[in-house]
Each structure stands twice: as structure tokens, then as C-alpha cells.
Amino acid sequence: MQCIKMTISTLLLVVLMISCILQMASAGYNFGYGVNDPSTGDIKDQQETKNGNQLTGYYRLLDSDGLVRTVNYQSHPLTGFTAQVSRDPIGMEGQTTSRQAKSRAQPQKSWPAIPRTPLIPIIPNSRLDDGTRYGYPEGYPQ
């Protein structure tokens, strides 16, 4: 039977490594951001919190039809990932307002018509000589 000698410093190092791994696994965070750019219509925000193995959060964005899409989500090791999606009109205290999408299209400039010229000159005398190949055009050096 072989004996494993473990010094106190080695044992302390192993315990320290295990505690660091557990601390990193249970570390939490909280972040959020928002964008509000009316010139492009990019209006959205997000909030997320992680505490141990549980993750909760939401994000909202303004869809092109003027409704706000909200996704509330959570993740847990036992229940997995779940999300609830809702689409609501913009407004406060139950008042709805409609939003017309602004057209960002610029008036198109009309360009003068340019006659098309082929890249390869069309030679009207091209024909099949014996039915197996194209013949040389007239004036073509052989």
C-alpha cells in the first residue's frame, strides 16, 4: 500500500484553489444599457442580473410596427431557461399613442440614358460552317 504524503502547504493550496473555483462559480453581476436614437429608430434597453446560478433579465425594443417588444427571461440550473415575450403599444398609464415610421428614402436622381454597347463586337457574318464549329468572321486573320 502506497502512502501519499501531503504537507500542510499542499493541503492549504488545494483548499484555496477549491474555494476560488467555488467563488468564481457563484460570482454575480448586474449590468444594463439603453439606446435611444430617434433618427434611426433604434430604441432599446436591457437589464441582466446574475446571482450564483440564477440569471434574470429583460430586454425591450421598439419594433418597426410601433409596438414595444419586451422579453423577460430567467435561467436556473433546475428549471432551465424560460422567457416570456409580450408586445405592447407605446404609452404611459394605459394611454396608447401611434408612431408613424419616418421614411428615410431620399428622392432618387435620374441619370441620363446611356446607350448600351456590347463588350465584344457583334459580327453578323458569324455562322456555322459545317455544323460542328463556328467559322472565322470575315477579315479575321487565320
C-alpha atoms as a PDB file:
ATOM      1  CA  MET A   1       0.000   0.000   0.000  1.00  0.00           C
ATOM      2  CA  GLN A   2       1.394   3.308  -1.001  1.00  0.00           C
ATOM      3  CA  CYS A   3       1.102   6.301   1.289  1.00  0.00           C
ATOM      4  CA  ILE A   4       0.589   9.797  -0.047  1.00  0.00           C
ATOM      5  CA  LYS A   5       2.301  12.449   1.972  1.00  0.00           C
ATOM      6  CA  MET A   6       0.603  15.766   1.932  1.00  0.00           C
ATOM      7  CA  THR A   7       2.257  18.709   3.523  1.00  0.00           C
ATOM      8  CA  ILE A   8       0.267  21.449   5.144  1.00  0.00           C
ATOM      9  CA  SER A   9       1.203  23.898   2.399  1.00  0.00           C
ATOM     10  CA  THR A  10      -0.055  21.497  -0.303  1.00  0.00           C
ATOM     11  CA  LEU A  11      -3.293  20.932   1.572  1.00  0.00           C
ATOM     12  CA  LEU A  12      -3.709  24.683   2.029  1.00  0.00           C
ATOM     13  CA  LEU A  13      -3.108  25.232  -1.683  1.00  0.00           C
ATOM     14  CA  VAL A  14      -5.771  22.662  -2.634  1.00  0.00           C
ATOM     15  CA  VAL A  15      -8.313  24.197  -0.252  1.00  0.00           C
ATOM     16  CA  LEU A  16      -7.530  27.671  -1.608  1.00  0.00           C
ATOM     17  CA  MET A  17      -7.977  26.513  -5.211  1.00  0.00           C
ATOM     18  CA  ILE A  18     -11.311  24.853  -4.430  1.00  0.00           C
ATOM     19  CA  SER A  19     -12.584  27.953  -2.640  1.00  0.00           C
ATOM     20  CA  CYS A  20     -11.530  30.151  -5.581  1.00  0.00           C
ATOM     21  CA  ILE A  21     -13.357  27.887  -8.023  1.00  0.00           C
ATOM     22  CA  LEU A  22     -16.497  27.937  -5.892  1.00  0.00           C
ATOM     23  CA  GLN A  23     -16.276  31.712  -5.522  1.00  0.00           C
ATOM     24  CA  MET A  24     -15.935  32.191  -9.279  1.00  0.00           C
ATOM     25  CA  ALA A  25     -18.847  29.833  -9.956  1.00  0.00           C
ATOM     26  CA  SER A  26     -21.118  31.719  -7.584  1.00  0.00           C
ATOM     27  CA  ALA A  27     -19.946  35.204  -8.558  1.00  0.00           C
ATOM     28  CA  GLY A  28     -22.697  37.542  -9.610  1.00  0.00           C
ATOM     29  CA  TYR A  29     -23.025  40.612 -11.768  1.00  0.00           C
ATOM     30  CA  ASN A  30     -25.521  43.287 -12.684  1.00  0.00           C
ATOM     31  CA  PHE A  31     -25.471  45.277 -15.895  1.00  0.00           C
ATOM     32  CA  GLY A  32     -27.765  47.271 -18.085  1.00  0.00           C
ATOM     33  CA  TYR A  33     -27.705  49.638 -21.045  1.00  0.00           C
ATOM     34  CA  GLY A  34     -30.048  51.623 -23.206  1.00  0.00           C
ATOM     35  CA  VAL A  35     -30.088  53.178 -26.682  1.00  0.00           C
ATOM     36  CA  ASN A  36     -32.428  55.951 -27.799  1.00  0.00           C
ATOM     37  CA  ASP A  37     -31.675  57.182 -31.319  1.00  0.00           C
ATOM     38  CA  PRO A  38     -34.821  58.673 -32.863  1.00  0.00           C
ATOM     39  CA  SER A  39     -33.036  59.485 -36.130  1.00  0.00           C
ATOM     40  CA  THR A  40     -32.557  55.773 -36.890  1.00  0.00           C
ATOM     41  CA  GLY A  41     -35.458  54.402 -34.842  1.00  0.00           C
ATOM     42  CA  ASP A  42     -33.059  52.356 -32.701  1.00  0.00           C
ATOM     43  CA  ILE A  43     -34.730  52.396 -29.289  1.00  0.00           C
ATOM     44  CA  LYS A  44     -33.929  49.563 -26.883  1.00  0.00           C
ATOM     45  CA  ASP A  45     -32.685  48.704 -23.402  1.00  0.00           C
ATOM     46  CA  GLN A  46     -31.533  45.661 -21.477  1.00  0.00           C
ATOM     47  CA  GLN A  47     -31.008  44.732 -17.831  1.00  0.00           C
ATOM     48  CA  GLU A  48     -29.474  41.491 -16.544  1.00  0.00           C
ATOM     49  CA  THR A  49     -28.555  40.186 -13.084  1.00  0.00           C
ATOM     50  CA  LYS A  50     -26.712  37.010 -12.146  1.00  0.00           C
ATOM     51  CA  ASN A  51     -26.663  35.787  -8.576  1.00  0.00           C
ATOM     52  CA  GLY A  52     -24.967  32.439  -8.115  1.00  0.00           C
ATOM     53  CA  ASN A  53     -26.505  30.041 -10.614  1.00  0.00           C
ATOM     54  CA  GLN A  54     -29.617  32.149 -11.213  1.00  0.00           C
ATOM     55  CA  LEU A  55     -29.820  34.602 -14.082  1.00  0.00           C
ATOM     56  CA  THR A  56     -32.698  37.034 -14.592  1.00  0.00           C
ATOM     57  CA  GLY A  57     -33.149  39.876 -17.001  1.00  0.00           C
ATOM     58  CA  TYR A  58     -35.170  41.567 -19.685  1.00  0.00           C
ATOM     59  CA  TYR A  59     -34.740  43.456 -22.899  1.00  0.00           C
ATOM     60  CA  ARG A  60     -37.096  45.810 -24.678  1.00  0.00           C
ATOM     61  CA  LEU A  61     -37.024  47.170 -28.183  1.00  0.00           C
ATOM     62  CA  LEU A  62     -39.235  49.181 -30.461  1.00  0.00           C
ATOM     63  CA  ASP A  63     -40.444  47.067 -33.371  1.00  0.00           C
ATOM     64  CA  SER A  64     -40.948  48.555 -36.819  1.00  0.00           C
ATOM     65  CA  ASP A  65     -44.738  48.435 -36.391  1.00  0.00           C
ATOM     66  CA  GLY A  66     -44.567  50.781 -33.380  1.00  0.00           C
ATOM     67  CA  LEU A  67     -45.099  48.148 -30.678  1.00  0.00           C
ATOM     68  CA  VAL A  68     -42.661  47.591 -27.834  1.00  0.00           C
ATOM     69  CA  ARG A  69     -41.436  44.003 -27.583  1.00  0.00           C
ATOM     70  CA  THR A  70     -40.416  43.001 -24.050  1.00  0.00           C
ATOM     71  CA  VAL A  71     -38.676  39.720 -23.285  1.00  0.00           C
ATOM     72  CA  ASN A  72     -38.377  38.755 -19.605  1.00  0.00           C
ATOM     73  CA  TYR A  73     -36.080  35.795 -19.129  1.00  0.00           C
ATOM     74  CA  GLN A  74     -34.562  33.710 -16.381  1.00  0.00           C
ATOM     75  CA  SER A  75     -32.232  30.768 -16.189  1.00  0.00           C
ATOM     76  CA  HIS A  76     -31.869  28.327 -13.333  1.00  0.00           C
ATOM     77  CA  PRO A  77     -29.906  25.055 -13.159  1.00  0.00           C
ATOM     78  CA  LEU A  78     -33.025  23.076 -12.220  1.00  0.00           C
ATOM     79  CA  THR A  79     -35.722  24.730 -14.342  1.00  0.00           C
ATOM     80  CA  GLY A  80     -33.586  25.708 -17.340  1.00  0.00           C
ATOM     81  CA  PHE A  81     -34.128  28.795 -19.477  1.00  0.00           C
ATOM     82  CA  THR A  82     -37.582  30.366 -19.661  1.00  0.00           C
ATOM     83  CA  ALA A  83     -38.698  33.511 -21.435  1.00  0.00           C
ATOM     84  CA  GLN A  84     -41.937  35.468 -21.614  1.00  0.00           C
ATOM     85  CA  VAL A  85     -42.476  37.694 -24.638  1.00  0.00           C
ATOM     86  CA  SER A  86     -45.036  40.494 -24.774  1.00  0.00           C
ATOM     87  CA  ARG A  87     -45.783  43.170 -27.365  1.00  0.00           C
ATOM     88  CA  ASP A  88     -47.481  46.317 -26.133  1.00  0.00           C
ATOM     89  CA  PRO A  89     -48.268  49.713 -27.640  1.00  0.00           C
ATOM     90  CA  ILE A  90     -46.180  52.704 -26.644  1.00  0.00           C
ATOM     91  CA  GLY A  91     -47.736  54.880 -23.950  1.00  0.00           C
ATOM     92  CA  MET A  92     -47.988  55.747 -20.284  1.00  0.00           C
ATOM     93  CA  GLU A  93     -50.768  54.885 -17.811  1.00  0.00           C
ATOM     94  CA  GLY A  94     -52.612  52.802 -20.377  1.00  0.00           C
ATOM     95  CA  GLN A  95     -52.718  55.583 -22.976  1.00  0.00           C
ATOM     96  CA  THR A  96     -51.641  54.393 -26.364  1.00  0.00           C
ATOM     97  CA  THR A  97     -50.052  56.543 -28.984  1.00  0.00           C
ATOM     98  CA  SER A  98     -49.299  55.640 -32.546  1.00  0.00           C
ATOM     99  CA  ARG A  99     -45.979  56.278 -34.162  1.00  0.00           C
ATOM    100  CA  GLN A 100     -45.566  56.820 -37.868  1.00  0.00           C
ATOM    101  CA  ALA A 101     -42.352  55.446 -39.265  1.00  0.00           C
ATOM    102  CA  LYS A 102     -40.338  58.193 -40.896  1.00  0.00           C
ATOM    103  CA  SER A 103     -39.240  57.446 -44.397  1.00  0.00           C
ATOM    104  CA  ARG A 104     -35.502  57.823 -44.757  1.00  0.00           C
ATOM    105  CA  ALA A 105     -35.616  57.287 -48.503  1.00  0.00           C
ATOM    106  CA  GLN A 106     -34.054  60.101 -50.476  1.00  0.00           C
ATOM    107  CA  PRO A 107     -35.522  61.164 -53.814  1.00  0.00           C
ATOM    108  CA  GLN A 108     -33.757  59.184 -56.496  1.00  0.00           C
ATOM    109  CA  LYS A 109     -31.757  61.161 -59.018  1.00  0.00           C
ATOM    110  CA  SER A 110     -32.479  60.396 -62.636  1.00  0.00           C
ATOM    111  CA  TRP A 111     -29.416  59.570 -64.666  1.00  0.00           C
ATOM    112  CA  PRO A 112     -29.161  60.252 -68.377  1.00  0.00           C
ATOM    113  CA  ALA A 113     -29.775  57.212 -70.526  1.00  0.00           C
ATOM    114  CA  ILE A 114     -26.541  55.835 -71.925  1.00  0.00           C
ATOM    115  CA  PRO A 115     -26.844  53.613 -74.965  1.00  0.00           C
ATOM    116  CA  ARG A 116     -25.527  50.152 -74.276  1.00  0.00           C
ATOM    117  CA  THR A 117     -22.593  48.998 -76.298  1.00  0.00           C
ATOM    118  CA  PRO A 118     -21.548  45.373 -76.266  1.00  0.00           C
ATOM    119  CA  LEU A 119     -18.187  44.457 -74.787  1.00  0.00           C
ATOM    120  CA  ILE A 120     -17.496  42.113 -77.699  1.00  0.00           C
ATOM    121  CA  PRO A 121     -18.320  43.403 -81.157  1.00  0.00           C
ATOM    122  CA  ILE A 122     -21.174  41.605 -82.831  1.00  0.00           C
ATOM    123  CA  ILE A 123     -20.158  40.221 -86.189  1.00  0.00           C
ATOM    124  CA  PRO A 124     -23.176  39.473 -88.337  1.00  0.00           C
ATOM    125  CA  ASN A 125     -21.271  37.034 -90.591  1.00  0.00           C
ATOM    126  CA  SER A 126     -20.598  34.509 -87.806  1.00  0.00           C
ATOM    127  CA  ARG A 127     -22.134  31.216 -88.800  1.00  0.00           C
ATOM    128  CA  LEU A 128     -21.591  27.522 -88.545  1.00  0.00           C
ATOM    129  CA  ASP A 129     -19.507  26.352 -91.467  1.00  0.00           C
ATOM    130  CA  ASP A 130     -20.034  22.625 -91.390  1.00  0.00           C
ATOM    131  CA  GLY A 131     -22.317  22.380 -88.375  1.00  0.00           C
ATOM    132  CA  THR A 132     -19.577  21.390 -85.934  1.00  0.00           C
ATOM    133  CA  ARG A 133     -17.875  24.676 -85.166  1.00  0.00           C
ATOM    134  CA  TYR A 134     -18.120  28.397 -85.635  1.00  0.00           C
ATOM    135  CA  GLY A 135     -16.328  29.729 -88.638  1.00  0.00           C
ATOM    136  CA  TYR A 136     -13.933  32.619 -88.675  1.00  0.00           C
ATOM    137  CA  PRO A 137     -15.514  36.013 -89.219  1.00  0.00           C
ATOM    138  CA  GLU A 138     -14.726  37.769 -92.458  1.00  0.00           C
ATOM    139  CA  GLY A 139     -11.487  39.651 -92.307  1.00  0.00           C
ATOM    140  CA  TYR A 140     -10.160  37.638 -89.369  1.00  0.00           C
ATOM    141  CA  PRO A 141      -6.517  36.629 -89.856  1.00  0.00           C
ATOM    142  CA  GLN A 142      -6.154  32.869 -89.901  1.00  0.00           C
END
